Amino acid sequence: MAEVVELWTDGACSGNPGPGGWGAILIWNGHERELSGGEADTTNNRMELMSVIMGLAAITRPMDVVINTDSAYVEQAFTKGWLEQWQRNGWRTASKQAVKNQDLWQRLAEEAARHNVSFQRVRGHTGVEMNERADQLAVAERDRYATV
């Protein structure tokens, strides 16, 4: 049986842009690790991306990773092939516009390439325990940056 890492992620932002935070929880082989961070001036989408980037970056060797996210933005970029299309089009959308958050999408593509990733979308704020915990980490970071 292959080893699988569960990665639970979430981002939070007060205003858009504004102070934001991200949270990630890694579960592997009965162990849990919480990660979080934030920025004073950011967007919700950037924090959603950072939660996945930092979660994947914390995994030290190639693994099967199930990414649990409530972000359609992140999940659909992978499951609908948007990320691959953006890369093929020189980081342009189908309407020839520059891809927003290209710097983070490039980092995410690099981190995801190290692993075998799949996505499980969850509904946010519906009582899913690990999603709620990731949200709490993100909100705590957002609030920390809001008071700076």
Protein backbone atom coordinates (compact mmCIF):
# COMPACT_ATOMS: atom_id res chain seq x y z
CA MET A 1 0.00 0.00 0.00
CA ALA A 2 1.38 3.40 -0.99
CA GLU A 3 2.00 5.99 1.67
CA VAL A 4 -0.35 8.93 1.35
CA VAL A 5 -0.06 12.39 2.86
CA GLU A 6 -3.26 14.30 3.50
CA LEU A 7 -2.81 18.04 3.11
CA TRP A 8 -5.57 20.31 4.42
CA THR A 9 -5.26 23.94 3.34
CA ASP A 10 -6.98 27.28 3.71
CA GLY A 11 -6.39 30.98 3.23
CA ALA A 12 -7.97 34.04 4.82
CA CYS A 13 -7.88 37.74 4.06
CA SER A 14 -9.44 40.83 5.62
CA GLY A 15 -10.21 43.07 2.70
CA ASN A 16 -8.98 42.06 -0.71
CA PRO A 17 -6.23 43.23 -0.67
CA GLY A 18 -5.51 43.44 3.01
CA PRO A 19 -3.85 41.47 5.78
CA GLY A 20 -3.99 37.74 5.12
CA GLY A 21 -2.99 34.38 6.45
CA TRP A 22 -2.70 30.79 5.34
CA GLY A 23 -2.85 27.51 7.19
CA ALA A 24 -1.89 23.97 6.24
CA ILE A 25 -2.10 20.68 8.09
CA LEU A 26 -0.13 17.63 6.99
CA ILE A 27 -1.28 14.19 8.13
CA TRP A 28 0.98 11.22 7.46
CA ASN A 29 1.43 7.87 9.14
CA GLY A 30 -0.50 8.93 12.24
CA HIS A 31 1.39 12.22 12.63
CA GLU A 32 0.12 15.75 12.18
CA ARG A 33 2.06 18.92 11.45
CA GLU A 34 0.56 22.40 11.36
CA LEU A 35 2.03 25.22 9.29
CA SER A 36 0.93 28.83 8.95
CA GLY A 37 2.04 32.23 7.80
CA GLY A 38 0.75 35.46 6.43
CA GLU A 39 1.38 38.86 4.90
CA ALA A 40 0.35 42.39 5.74
CA ASP A 41 -0.90 43.23 2.24
CA THR A 42 -2.17 40.35 0.12
CA THR A 43 -5.27 38.74 -1.38
CA ASN A 44 -7.36 35.73 -0.47
CA ASN A 45 -6.31 33.88 -3.64
CA ARG A 46 -2.63 34.41 -2.84
CA MET A 47 -3.15 33.00 0.65
CA GLU A 48 -5.01 29.98 -0.74
CA LEU A 49 -2.07 29.36 -3.07
CA MET A 50 0.50 29.82 -0.30
CA SER A 51 -1.21 27.25 1.90
CA VAL A 52 -0.79 24.58 -0.77
CA ILE A 53 2.73 25.67 -1.76
CA MET A 54 4.03 25.62 1.78
CA GLY A 55 2.28 22.36 2.61
CA LEU A 56 3.82 20.62 -0.39
CA ALA A 57 7.22 22.21 0.26
CA ALA A 58 7.24 20.75 3.77
CA ILE A 59 7.09 17.20 2.40
CA THR A 60 10.71 16.10 2.12
CA ARG A 61 10.40 13.26 -0.38
CA PRO A 62 8.09 12.42 -3.29
CA MET A 63 4.75 11.19 -2.00
CA ASP A 64 1.15 10.64 -2.99
CA VAL A 65 -0.58 13.75 -1.66
CA VAL A 66 -4.32 14.33 -1.37
CA ILE A 67 -4.87 18.09 -1.19
CA ASN A 68 -8.08 18.98 0.62
CA THR A 69 -9.12 22.54 -0.16
CA ASP A 70 -12.22 24.68 -0.18
CA SER A 71 -10.71 26.84 -2.93
CA ALA A 72 -12.26 26.26 -6.34
CA TYR A 73 -9.56 28.61 -7.69
CA VAL A 74 -6.77 26.22 -6.71
CA GLU A 75 -8.56 22.93 -7.27
CA GLN A 76 -9.92 23.76 -10.72
CA ALA A 77 -6.57 25.05 -11.98
CA PHE A 78 -5.39 21.45 -11.67
CA THR A 79 -8.52 19.40 -12.31
CA LYS A 80 -9.69 21.45 -15.31
CA GLY A 81 -6.20 21.73 -16.80
CA TRP A 82 -5.95 25.51 -16.50
CA LEU A 83 -2.44 25.38 -15.02
CA GLU A 84 -1.07 23.28 -17.88
CA GLN A 85 -2.78 25.53 -20.43
CA TRP A 86 -1.36 28.68 -18.82
CA GLN A 87 2.13 27.21 -18.96
CA ARG A 88 1.74 26.23 -22.63
CA ASN A 89 0.41 29.73 -23.45
CA GLY A 90 3.33 31.54 -21.83
CA TRP A 91 1.34 32.35 -18.69
CA ARG A 92 -1.55 33.86 -20.62
CA THR A 93 -5.20 33.00 -20.13
CA ALA A 94 -7.48 31.87 -22.94
CA SER A 95 -8.42 35.54 -23.37
CA LYS A 96 -4.70 36.44 -23.76
CA GLN A 97 -4.53 38.21 -20.39
CA ALA A 98 -1.58 37.72 -18.04
CA VAL A 99 -2.30 35.04 -15.43
CA LYS A 100 -2.84 36.64 -12.04
CA ASN A 101 -0.51 35.41 -9.29
CA GLN A 102 1.85 33.89 -11.86
CA ASP A 103 4.73 33.91 -9.36
CA LEU A 104 2.79 31.67 -6.98
CA TRP A 105 1.37 29.44 -9.71
CA GLN A 106 4.93 28.79 -10.90
CA ARG A 107 6.02 27.88 -7.37
CA LEU A 108 2.98 25.66 -6.95
CA ALA A 109 3.63 23.89 -10.25
CA GLU A 110 7.21 23.17 -9.15
CA GLU A 111 6.15 21.81 -5.77
CA ALA A 112 3.31 19.74 -7.23
CA ALA A 113 5.66 18.22 -9.82
CA ARG A 114 7.68 16.61 -6.99
CA HIS A 115 4.66 14.61 -5.87
CA ASN A 116 1.70 12.66 -7.18
CA VAL A 117 -1.07 15.08 -6.22
CA SER A 118 -4.82 14.74 -6.29
CA PHE A 119 -7.47 17.14 -5.10
CA GLN A 120 -10.48 16.74 -2.87
CA ARG A 121 -12.67 19.81 -2.71
CA VAL A 122 -14.50 20.39 0.55
CA ARG A 123 -17.14 22.97 1.34
CA GLY A 124 -15.72 25.63 3.58
CA HIS A 125 -17.24 26.55 6.94
CA THR A 126 -19.47 23.48 7.09
CA GLY A 127 -17.97 21.81 10.14
CA VAL A 128 -15.39 19.60 8.37
CA GLU A 129 -12.92 19.28 11.25
CA MET A 130 -9.61 19.56 9.41
CA ASN A 131 -10.88 22.32 7.12
CA GLU A 132 -12.02 24.26 10.16
CA ARG A 133 -8.60 23.77 11.80
CA ALA A 134 -6.79 25.00 8.67
CA ASP A 135 -9.13 28.00 8.63
CA GLN A 136 -8.36 28.75 12.29
CA LEU A 137 -4.62 28.76 11.51
CA ALA A 138 -5.17 31.10 8.55
CA VAL A 139 -7.44 33.46 10.49
CA ALA A 140 -4.99 33.64 13.42
CA GLU A 141 -2.22 34.67 11.01
CA ARG A 142 -4.48 37.16 9.25
CA ASP A 143 -5.40 38.70 12.59
CA ARG A 144 -1.74 38.85 13.64
CA TYR A 145 -0.88 40.81 10.49
CA ALA A 146 -3.96 43.02 10.85
CA THR A 147 -2.61 44.38 14.14
CA VAL A 148 0.89 45.16 12.85
